[in-house]
Amino acid sequence: MDPPSPSSSSPPPPKSWSIHTRREITSKYEIHERVGSGAYSDVYRGVRRSDSLPVALKEVHDRLSASREVHALLALQHSPNVVVMHEYFCRDDEDAVLVLEFLPTDLASVVREARPERGGGLSPGEIKRWMVQILSGVDACHRNSIVHRDLKPSNLLVSADGVLKLADFGQARILMDPGFDCFYENHPQLHDHNAPNPPSFVPNPEIPRQGGSRNEEHRSLGEEEYLGELDDIKGKDSMSEVDKETRDGGTSCLATCTASDLEDDPFKGGSYSYEAEEGGDDRYGSFTSCVGTRWFRAPELLYGSTKYGPEIDLWALGCIFAELFNLEPLFPGTSDIDQLGRIFSVLGNLTEEIWPGCLELPDYRSISFGKVENPLGLDKCLPNRSPDEINIVKKLICYDPSSRATAMELLHDKYLNEEPLPVPVSELRVPSSHTAQDEGSPGEWCDYRDMDSDSDFEDFGPVSVTTTNTGFSIRFP
């Protein structure tokens, strides 16, 4: 016989130390080995007992991250290029657990396996098919007012039969402010109601949510009730949203790696300075600049912007597409300052002539670089690629966010709609599983999650610090 339910005055039961101890979950799912781990979530491979369906069980230790992921996946549940959430478990005294479809590999592994020493590259038709699937997933996000904020190859999961799906929405934000309306006004093709996934938020009341005692049955959760619970989660959380977002703890259904072979130092023979102002202001509004993994982070984020929209995802797309072409990262920065420097070495300095809005970036006047006299240009970064291939990256890797092509625009781009056409999904070469670091080459591979050190200066050695009228200046040799 089950014990009586505790009264409202009773203290909450102690938190379980492991997902394996939670009977409401283990009664429905066999939990196997852990396949992914981050600072604030763990992912386990599992099987649904009722029909032997493989699943991934994501135990999220951060309440706000969990609420964001559930909220986003409910809104995107009918999108074929977004990971499916079968069910979720959430109650006050335990970590949230999301039951997701299990996908055995990711785009980072696809890129790694295609390198010359392994697979000999990706054909144009393969690259186009990967692009189409990524763009379809991102377009679904943006049509539902969702900014993913952490797009990278290891968060693009791939099924055994080649279907790519966006995953890890723990940093996602659903935009409901006027700024998002401006994004749609600037890109009128997004108002095409004949296009797939029109802007909407339609949570599925059939996705079961479990919580409370272990005798509680599945219950439907409509939009109003879910949003009420989401507000309650946010209200109960004692840690500020800004504090949470400055931590890099995301993990997808896989723990993945990518190469970080660095080219020659782009700063050789140059210098740049960072000037910190005294005092401070409340620069953290509803958003924070500390989102996204550094290699895929838009320049406005590196300059501290908190007023941004889907355009930051578009910059990340450009970096991902360049990696599909080159099979190596476009801007593998070792710190935020190094990241900006690598971007400048390719695109040139960010100035108000190029993007007048840069003057409003919080850190624009605090971080200064020496003038880049001869920027490389994206053409040199994409050797042996066709003009159309280079142009599709240029439409995304540009300073002015409003100039970046939308996902829908790119889906109609001539590059993706002319010979050679995207190959069928069934013809994509998919690694059998996530490929780990080569044992014989320590240091050759780097996890995308490990590139977000809080110290921007640790890799530069000696620096010169001088006092200025506004604080101090740091100049790197």
Protein backbone atom coordinates (compact mmCIF):
# COMPACT_ATOMS: atom_id res chain seq x y z
CA MET A 1 0.00 0.00 0.00
CA ASP A 2 1.34 3.40 -0.89
CA PRO A 3 2.01 5.80 1.97
CA PRO A 4 -0.38 8.73 2.30
CA SER A 5 0.47 11.91 0.47
CA PRO A 6 2.33 14.42 2.63
CA SER A 7 0.32 17.36 3.88
CA SER A 8 0.92 20.82 2.53
CA SER A 9 2.78 21.73 5.73
CA SER A 10 5.20 18.82 5.45
CA PRO A 11 8.73 19.54 4.18
CA PRO A 12 9.44 18.40 0.62
CA PRO A 13 11.03 14.96 0.30
CA PRO A 14 14.81 14.88 -0.14
CA LYS A 15 16.07 15.15 -3.71
CA SER A 16 17.03 11.88 -5.35
CA TRP A 17 20.72 11.53 -6.05
CA SER A 18 20.18 9.86 -9.39
CA ILE A 19 17.67 9.42 -12.19
CA HIS A 20 17.95 5.68 -11.49
CA THR A 21 16.10 6.11 -8.17
CA ARG A 22 12.99 7.73 -9.63
CA ARG A 23 10.32 5.08 -9.91
CA GLU A 24 7.96 7.18 -12.02
CA ILE A 25 10.69 7.10 -14.69
CA THR A 26 12.23 3.66 -14.21
CA SER A 27 8.79 2.04 -14.31
CA LYS A 28 8.38 3.29 -17.88
CA TYR A 29 11.98 3.32 -19.16
CA GLU A 30 15.02 1.12 -18.95
CA ILE A 31 17.92 3.47 -18.28
CA HIS A 32 21.23 2.43 -19.78
CA GLU A 33 24.61 4.17 -19.94
CA ARG A 34 25.21 7.90 -19.78
CA VAL A 35 26.01 9.21 -23.27
CA GLY A 36 26.39 12.93 -22.63
CA SER A 37 27.28 15.16 -19.74
CA GLY A 38 27.60 18.86 -19.05
CA ALA A 39 27.86 21.03 -15.97
CA TYR A 40 24.08 21.24 -15.63
CA SER A 41 22.64 18.22 -17.41
CA ASP A 42 23.27 14.55 -18.05
CA VAL A 43 21.92 12.44 -20.91
CA TYR A 44 21.27 8.69 -20.73
CA ARG A 45 20.43 6.20 -23.41
CA GLY A 46 17.24 4.33 -22.61
CA VAL A 47 14.43 2.15 -23.92
CA ARG A 48 10.71 2.64 -23.45
CA ARG A 49 9.42 -0.51 -21.81
CA SER A 50 6.05 -0.52 -23.57
CA ASP A 51 7.41 -0.84 -27.10
CA SER A 52 11.25 -0.99 -26.88
CA LEU A 53 11.59 2.45 -28.48
CA PRO A 54 15.14 3.83 -28.04
CA VAL A 55 15.10 7.17 -26.22
CA ALA A 56 17.45 9.70 -24.69
CA LEU A 57 16.64 10.79 -21.15
CA LYS A 58 18.00 14.24 -20.42
CA GLU A 59 18.22 15.08 -16.73
CA VAL A 60 18.46 18.87 -16.45
CA HIS A 61 19.84 20.21 -13.17
CA ASP A 62 18.92 23.83 -13.89
CA ARG A 63 15.25 24.75 -13.67
CA LEU A 64 15.31 27.71 -16.01
CA SER A 65 17.22 25.79 -18.67
CA ALA A 66 14.71 22.95 -18.37
CA SER A 67 11.72 25.27 -18.70
CA ARG A 68 13.20 26.88 -21.79
CA GLU A 69 13.89 23.56 -23.47
CA VAL A 70 10.43 22.18 -22.75
CA HIS A 71 8.79 25.41 -23.88
CA ALA A 72 10.73 25.46 -27.17
CA LEU A 73 10.20 21.77 -27.94
CA LEU A 74 6.47 22.06 -27.31
CA ALA A 75 6.29 24.90 -29.81
CA LEU A 76 8.39 23.01 -32.38
CA GLN A 77 6.99 19.53 -31.97
CA HIS A 78 5.67 19.28 -35.54
CA SER A 79 8.95 20.41 -37.13
CA PRO A 80 10.63 17.47 -38.89
CA ASN A 81 14.12 18.90 -38.33
CA VAL A 82 13.79 19.45 -34.58
CA VAL A 83 14.39 16.68 -32.05
CA VAL A 84 11.19 15.06 -30.77
CA MET A 85 10.24 15.26 -27.08
CA HIS A 86 8.11 12.26 -26.18
CA GLU A 87 7.43 13.15 -22.57
CA TYR A 88 8.81 15.14 -19.67
CA PHE A 89 8.86 14.74 -15.90
CA CYS A 90 8.86 17.82 -13.70
CA ARG A 91 8.17 18.41 -10.05
CA ASP A 92 9.41 20.83 -7.42
CA ASP A 93 11.71 18.48 -5.53
CA GLU A 94 13.50 16.84 -8.48
CA ASP A 95 15.45 17.73 -11.60
CA ALA A 96 13.39 17.88 -14.76
CA VAL A 97 13.84 14.89 -17.08
CA LEU A 98 13.06 15.21 -20.78
CA VAL A 99 12.43 12.05 -22.78
CA LEU A 100 13.74 12.70 -26.29
CA GLU A 101 14.16 10.63 -29.40
CA PHE A 102 17.59 9.02 -29.44
CA LEU A 103 19.82 10.07 -32.35
CA PRO A 104 23.13 8.20 -32.56
CA THR A 105 25.41 10.83 -34.10
CA ASP A 106 25.73 14.52 -35.00
CA LEU A 107 27.04 16.88 -37.67
CA ALA A 108 30.37 17.27 -35.87
CA SER A 109 30.97 13.55 -36.39
CA VAL A 110 29.89 13.82 -40.02
CA VAL A 111 32.46 16.57 -40.59
CA ARG A 112 35.17 14.66 -38.76
CA GLU A 113 34.57 11.48 -40.71
CA ALA A 114 34.69 13.41 -44.00
CA ARG A 115 38.18 14.83 -43.45
CA PRO A 116 40.73 13.73 -46.06
CA GLU A 117 42.52 11.37 -43.70
CA ARG A 118 39.23 9.55 -43.11
CA GLY A 119 36.52 9.96 -45.72
CA GLY A 120 37.83 12.31 -48.37
CA GLY A 121 35.36 15.18 -48.10
CA LEU A 122 31.69 15.84 -48.71
CA SER A 123 30.22 16.07 -52.19
CA PRO A 124 28.34 19.26 -53.18
CA GLY A 125 25.09 17.31 -53.15
CA GLU A 126 25.73 16.06 -49.62
CA ILE A 127 26.62 19.53 -48.36
CA LYS A 128 23.44 20.94 -49.88
CA ARG A 129 21.26 18.29 -48.26
CA TRP A 130 22.80 18.97 -44.85
CA MET A 131 22.26 22.70 -45.42
CA VAL A 132 18.63 22.26 -46.43
CA GLN A 133 17.89 20.26 -43.28
CA ILE A 134 19.66 22.77 -41.03
CA LEU A 135 17.87 25.70 -42.66
CA SER A 136 14.51 23.96 -42.35
CA GLY A 137 15.03 23.50 -38.61
CA VAL A 138 16.23 27.07 -38.08
CA ASP A 139 13.37 28.45 -40.17
CA ALA A 140 10.90 26.57 -37.97
CA CYS A 141 12.51 28.13 -34.88
CA HIS A 142 12.38 31.66 -36.22
CA ARG A 143 8.81 31.29 -37.48
CA ASN A 144 7.83 30.31 -33.95
CA SER A 145 9.69 33.33 -32.51
CA ILE A 146 12.42 31.11 -31.06
CA VAL A 147 16.11 32.02 -31.07
CA HIS A 148 18.18 28.90 -30.47
CA ARG A 149 21.28 30.83 -29.30
CA ASP A 150 23.62 27.83 -29.34
CA LEU A 151 23.77 26.50 -32.89
CA LYS A 152 26.88 24.41 -33.57
CA PRO A 153 27.62 21.07 -35.25
CA SER A 154 27.42 19.09 -32.00
CA ASN A 155 23.88 20.38 -31.40
CA LEU A 156 22.74 19.20 -34.84
CA LEU A 157 21.94 15.55 -34.22
CA VAL A 158 21.61 12.98 -36.99
CA SER A 159 19.57 9.80 -37.19
CA ALA A 160 20.93 6.57 -38.58
CA ASP A 161 19.10 7.22 -41.86
CA GLY A 162 20.46 10.75 -42.29
CA VAL A 163 17.72 13.00 -40.88
CA LEU A 164 19.27 16.03 -39.15
CA LYS A 165 17.51 17.60 -36.17
CA LEU A 166 18.23 20.67 -34.03
CA ALA A 167 18.72 19.82 -30.38
CA ASP A 168 19.76 21.32 -27.03
CA PHE A 169 17.35 24.21 -26.56
CA GLY A 170 18.50 24.97 -23.00
CA GLN A 171 19.65 28.45 -24.04
CA ALA A 172 16.73 29.15 -26.37
CA ARG A 173 14.55 32.22 -25.96
CA ILE A 174 11.04 32.78 -27.23
CA LEU A 175 10.80 36.36 -28.41
CA MET A 176 7.58 38.17 -27.68
CA ASP A 177 8.82 41.76 -27.76
CA PRO A 178 8.55 44.41 -30.52
CA GLY A 179 12.13 43.72 -31.59
CA PHE A 180 11.06 40.43 -33.10
CA ASP A 181 8.27 42.14 -35.03
CA CYS A 182 10.93 44.38 -36.57
CA PHE A 183 12.80 41.29 -37.74
CA TYR A 184 9.73 40.11 -39.62
CA GLU A 185 9.11 43.59 -41.04
CA ASN A 186 12.66 43.64 -42.41
CA HIS A 187 12.12 40.26 -44.08
CA PRO A 188 8.60 40.32 -45.60
CA GLN A 189 8.93 36.86 -47.15
CA LEU A 190 8.46 35.45 -43.64
CA HIS A 191 4.80 36.53 -43.85
CA ASP A 192 4.17 33.96 -46.60
CA HIS A 193 1.36 31.92 -45.09
CA ASN A 194 1.78 29.26 -47.77
CA ALA A 195 5.26 28.48 -46.45
CA PRO A 196 5.70 25.62 -43.96
CA ASN A 197 5.59 26.29 -40.23
CA PRO A 198 3.81 29.68 -40.12
CA PRO A 199 4.56 31.77 -37.00
CA SER A 200 2.65 30.24 -34.13
CA PHE A 201 2.95 28.75 -30.69
CA VAL A 202 0.98 25.54 -30.49
CA PRO A 203 1.94 23.26 -27.62
CA ASN A 204 0.65 19.73 -27.99
CA PRO A 205 -1.78 18.86 -25.19
CA GLU A 206 -1.10 15.18 -25.91
CA ILE A 207 2.54 15.28 -24.77
CA PRO A 208 2.35 13.76 -21.30
CA ARG A 209 3.92 15.45 -18.34
CA GLN A 210 4.40 13.64 -15.08
CA GLY A 211 5.05 15.00 -11.64
CA GLY A 212 4.10 14.65 -7.99
CA SER A 213 3.52 11.22 -6.53
CA ARG A 214 4.34 8.05 -8.36
CA ASN A 215 0.62 7.20 -8.62
CA GLU A 216 -0.14 10.30 -10.66
CA GLU A 217 -1.46 9.47 -14.11
CA HIS A 218 -0.60 11.22 -17.35
CA ARG A 219 -2.43 14.49 -17.71
CA SER A 220 -2.77 16.83 -20.66
CA LEU A 221 -1.03 20.17 -20.46
CA GLY A 222 -2.45 23.00 -22.54
CA GLU A 223 -0.72 26.24 -23.45
CA GLU A 224 -2.24 28.34 -20.65
CA GLU A 225 -1.45 25.79 -17.95
CA TYR A 226 2.05 25.20 -19.23
CA LEU A 227 2.87 28.90 -19.40
CA GLY A 228 1.54 29.25 -15.85
CA GLU A 229 3.91 26.53 -14.69
CA LEU A 230 6.75 28.14 -16.62
CA ASP A 231 6.16 31.44 -14.80
CA ASP A 232 6.01 29.56 -11.52
CA ILE A 233 9.36 27.89 -12.23
CA LYS A 234 10.93 31.23 -13.03
CA GLY A 235 9.45 32.81 -9.93
CA LYS A 236 10.75 30.10 -7.62
CA ASP A 237 14.26 30.16 -8.98
CA SER A 238 16.50 32.06 -6.60
CA MET A 239 19.40 32.51 -9.03
CA SER A 240 19.13 35.42 -11.44
CA GLU A 241 18.68 34.67 -15.12
CA VAL A 242 21.82 36.59 -15.98
CA ASP A 243 23.91 34.52 -13.59
CA LYS A 244 22.61 31.34 -15.16
CA GLU A 245 23.19 32.41 -18.71
CA THR A 246 26.81 33.26 -18.09
CA ARG A 247 27.52 29.61 -17.40
CA ASP A 248 28.33 27.24 -20.21
CA GLY A 249 26.64 24.05 -19.15
CA GLY A 250 24.64 22.91 -22.12
CA THR A 251 24.78 19.41 -23.46
CA SER A 252 22.95 17.74 -26.30
CA CYS A 253 22.01 14.09 -26.52
CA LEU A 254 25.66 13.39 -27.34
CA ALA A 255 29.00 14.59 -26.05
CA THR A 256 30.84 15.51 -29.24
CA CYS A 257 34.15 16.90 -30.40
CA THR A 258 35.62 18.74 -33.34
CA ALA A 259 39.08 19.61 -34.57
CA SER A 260 40.64 22.87 -33.41
CA ASP A 261 43.76 22.99 -35.53
CA LEU A 262 44.77 26.64 -35.36
CA GLU A 263 46.30 28.44 -38.29
CA ASP A 264 49.09 30.97 -37.98
CA ASP A 265 48.50 33.67 -35.41
CA PRO A 266 46.31 36.31 -37.13
CA PHE A 267 47.68 38.96 -34.79
CA LYS A 268 51.31 38.50 -35.72
CA GLY A 269 52.80 41.94 -36.10
CA GLY A 270 49.68 43.72 -34.78
CA SER A 271 48.23 44.83 -31.49
CA TYR A 272 44.90 45.60 -29.90
CA SER A 273 43.71 46.90 -26.54
CA TYR A 274 40.86 46.38 -24.14
CA GLU A 275 39.73 49.35 -22.12
CA ALA A 276 37.52 48.83 -19.10
CA GLU A 277 35.37 51.68 -17.85
CA GLU A 278 34.90 52.45 -14.21
CA GLY A 279 31.46 52.06 -12.73
CA GLY A 280 28.83 50.16 -14.62
CA ASP A 281 25.33 50.16 -15.95
CA ASP A 282 22.45 47.75 -16.12
CA ARG A 283 23.35 46.34 -19.49
CA TYR A 284 21.59 43.06 -18.86
CA GLY A 285 18.01 43.50 -19.92
CA SER A 286 15.90 40.47 -20.74
CA PHE A 287 18.77 38.96 -22.72
CA THR A 288 22.45 38.36 -22.07
CA SER A 289 25.42 38.42 -24.41
CA CYS A 290 26.94 35.32 -22.77
CA VAL A 291 25.18 32.78 -24.96
CA GLY A 292 26.33 30.46 -27.73
CA THR A 293 29.59 28.63 -27.98
CA ARG A 294 32.38 31.05 -28.79
CA TRP A 295 33.39 29.83 -32.27
CA PHE A 296 29.82 30.45 -33.48
CA ARG A 297 29.10 33.63 -31.52
CA ALA A 298 28.10 36.72 -33.50
CA PRO A 299 30.28 39.86 -33.17
CA GLU A 300 27.48 41.81 -31.50
CA LEU A 301 27.41 39.23 -28.71
CA LEU A 302 31.18 39.44 -28.29
CA TYR A 303 30.70 43.19 -27.86
CA GLY A 304 28.15 42.64 -25.11
CA SER A 305 24.88 43.23 -26.96
CA THR A 306 21.72 42.36 -25.07
CA LYS A 307 19.42 43.62 -27.83
CA TYR A 308 19.48 40.95 -30.49
CA GLY A 309 17.21 38.54 -32.27
CA PRO A 310 17.31 35.61 -34.70
CA GLU A 311 20.23 37.22 -36.53
CA ILE A 312 22.68 35.70 -34.04
CA ASP A 313 21.54 32.25 -35.20
CA LEU A 314 22.17 33.32 -38.80
CA TRP A 315 25.80 34.21 -38.04
CA ALA A 316 26.22 30.79 -36.43
CA LEU A 317 24.76 29.21 -39.58
CA GLY A 318 27.44 30.92 -41.65
CA CYS A 319 30.15 29.45 -39.43
CA ILE A 320 28.57 25.98 -39.70
CA PHE A 321 28.28 26.19 -43.50
CA ALA A 322 31.92 27.28 -43.78
CA GLU A 323 32.88 24.25 -41.69
CA LEU A 324 30.94 21.97 -44.04
CA PHE A 325 32.98 23.39 -46.94
CA ASN A 326 36.39 23.39 -45.23
CA LEU A 327 35.91 20.55 -42.72
CA GLU A 328 37.46 22.77 -40.06
CA PRO A 329 36.15 25.68 -37.96
CA LEU A 330 36.09 29.13 -39.54
CA PHE A 331 36.92 31.17 -36.42
CA PRO A 332 38.42 28.85 -33.73
CA GLY A 333 39.08 31.55 -31.12
CA THR A 334 40.83 30.69 -27.88
CA SER A 335 39.14 33.54 -25.97
CA ASP A 336 36.54 36.20 -26.65
CA ILE A 337 39.22 38.76 -27.54
CA ASP A 338 40.96 36.22 -29.80
CA GLN A 339 37.58 35.43 -31.37
CA LEU A 340 37.02 39.07 -32.31
CA GLY A 341 40.56 39.33 -33.63
CA ARG A 342 40.11 36.31 -35.89
CA ILE A 343 36.89 37.78 -37.27
CA PHE A 344 38.61 41.13 -37.90
CA SER A 345 41.52 39.41 -39.64
CA VAL A 346 39.03 38.06 -42.19
CA LEU A 347 36.36 40.79 -42.45
CA GLY A 348 38.36 43.84 -41.40
CA ASN A 349 37.60 46.14 -38.49
CA LEU A 350 34.05 46.77 -37.38
CA THR A 351 33.30 50.46 -37.95
CA GLU A 352 30.24 52.69 -38.02
CA GLU A 353 30.67 53.04 -41.78
CA ILE A 354 30.13 49.30 -42.14
CA TRP A 355 27.42 49.06 -39.49
CA PRO A 356 26.23 52.30 -37.83
CA GLY A 357 24.52 50.29 -35.10
CA CYS A 358 27.88 49.12 -33.75
CA LEU A 359 28.20 52.40 -31.81
CA GLU A 360 25.36 51.23 -29.57
CA LEU A 361 27.10 48.00 -28.58
CA PRO A 362 27.86 48.13 -24.84
CA ASP A 363 31.57 47.29 -25.17
CA TYR A 364 32.32 48.89 -28.53
CA ARG A 365 34.16 51.86 -27.00
CA SER A 366 35.89 49.68 -24.42
CA ILE A 367 37.53 47.18 -26.77
CA SER A 368 39.84 48.53 -29.45
CA PHE A 369 41.95 46.77 -32.05
CA GLY A 370 44.73 48.01 -34.28
CA LYS A 371 43.60 48.60 -37.85
CA VAL A 372 43.63 45.50 -40.02
CA GLU A 373 45.22 46.80 -43.22
CA ASN A 374 44.70 43.78 -45.43
CA PRO A 375 41.88 41.52 -44.20
CA LEU A 376 41.96 38.06 -45.73
CA GLY A 377 38.36 38.03 -46.92
CA LEU A 378 36.08 35.01 -46.91
CA ASP A 379 37.25 34.01 -50.39
CA LYS A 380 40.69 33.07 -49.05
CA CYS A 381 39.15 31.29 -46.10
CA LEU A 382 37.18 29.07 -48.49
CA PRO A 383 39.79 27.92 -51.00
CA ASN A 384 38.72 25.84 -53.98
CA ARG A 385 35.05 26.66 -53.44
CA SER A 386 32.76 28.02 -56.16
CA PRO A 387 31.54 31.65 -56.16
CA ASP A 388 28.02 30.46 -55.25
CA GLU A 389 29.36 28.48 -52.28
CA ILE A 390 31.35 31.47 -51.04
CA ASN A 391 28.39 33.80 -51.55
CA ILE A 392 26.04 31.73 -49.39
CA VAL A 393 28.51 32.07 -46.51
CA LYS A 394 28.93 35.81 -47.20
CA LYS A 395 25.18 36.27 -46.91
CA LEU A 396 25.46 35.16 -43.28
CA ILE A 397 28.94 36.22 -42.16
CA CYS A 398 28.52 39.99 -42.23
CA TYR A 399 28.63 42.61 -39.50
CA ASP A 400 25.23 44.26 -39.95
CA PRO A 401 22.68 41.83 -38.48
CA SER A 402 19.87 43.18 -40.67
CA SER A 403 21.91 42.27 -43.78
CA ARG A 404 22.12 38.57 -42.94
CA ALA A 405 19.95 36.37 -45.11
CA THR A 406 17.11 34.57 -43.34
CA ALA A 407 16.78 30.80 -43.35
CA MET A 408 13.81 31.06 -45.69
CA GLU A 409 15.72 33.29 -48.12
CA LEU A 410 18.55 30.76 -48.24
CA LEU A 411 16.18 27.86 -48.81
CA HIS A 412 15.21 29.66 -52.02
CA ASP A 413 18.79 30.59 -52.90
CA LYS A 414 19.85 29.50 -56.38
CA TYR A 415 22.83 27.61 -54.94
CA LEU A 416 20.50 25.09 -53.27
CA ASN A 417 18.17 24.85 -56.24
CA GLU A 418 20.51 24.21 -59.17
CA GLU A 419 22.70 21.33 -60.28
CA PRO A 420 24.12 19.45 -58.56
CA LEU A 421 20.94 19.22 -56.53
CA PRO A 422 20.87 18.09 -52.88
CA VAL A 423 21.16 14.33 -52.71
CA PRO A 424 18.30 12.33 -51.18
CA VAL A 425 18.62 11.91 -47.42
CA SER A 426 19.04 8.17 -47.98
CA GLU A 427 22.30 8.82 -49.86
CA LEU A 428 23.99 10.77 -47.07
CA ARG A 429 27.01 9.12 -45.51
CA VAL A 430 26.27 8.89 -41.79
CA PRO A 431 28.76 7.68 -39.16
CA SER A 432 27.46 4.63 -37.37
CA SER A 433 27.72 6.48 -34.06
CA HIS A 434 29.32 9.46 -32.43
CA THR A 435 33.09 9.22 -32.96
CA ALA A 436 35.27 10.03 -30.00
CA GLN A 437 38.73 11.52 -29.82
CA ASP A 438 41.51 9.52 -31.36
CA GLU A 439 43.47 7.88 -28.57
CA GLY A 440 46.74 8.32 -30.40
CA SER A 441 46.43 12.05 -30.91
CA PRO A 442 45.84 13.77 -27.58
CA GLY A 443 44.97 17.41 -27.99
CA GLU A 444 44.02 17.09 -31.65
CA TRP A 445 40.31 17.17 -30.92
CA CYS A 446 38.44 19.71 -28.84
CA ASP A 447 34.92 19.58 -27.45
CA TYR A 448 32.84 22.56 -28.57
CA ARG A 449 31.75 22.98 -24.96
CA ASP A 450 35.31 23.54 -23.78
CA MET A 451 35.93 26.76 -25.69
CA ASP A 452 34.13 29.13 -23.35
CA SER A 453 36.70 29.99 -20.73
CA ASP A 454 35.70 32.96 -18.59
CA SER A 455 39.21 34.33 -18.87
CA ASP A 456 39.65 36.24 -22.09
CA PHE A 457 43.33 36.96 -21.48
CA GLU A 458 44.80 33.73 -20.20
CA ASP A 459 46.26 32.67 -23.53
CA PHE A 460 48.14 35.83 -24.37
CA GLY A 461 51.05 35.82 -21.94
CA PRO A 462 52.46 39.15 -20.72
CA VAL A 463 50.27 42.21 -21.21
CA SER A 464 50.78 45.91 -20.63
CA VAL A 465 48.29 47.62 -18.31
CA THR A 466 48.08 51.43 -18.15
CA THR A 467 45.70 53.80 -16.36
CA THR A 468 43.34 55.88 -18.52
CA ASN A 469 40.72 58.54 -17.85
CA THR A 470 37.96 55.96 -17.94
CA GLY A 471 39.68 53.11 -16.12
CA PHE A 472 42.53 51.11 -17.59
CA SER A 473 43.80 49.85 -20.91
CA ILE A 474 45.16 46.42 -21.63
CA ARG A 475 47.36 46.10 -24.72
CA PHE A 476 48.41 42.76 -26.09
CA PRO A 477 51.79 42.37 -27.83
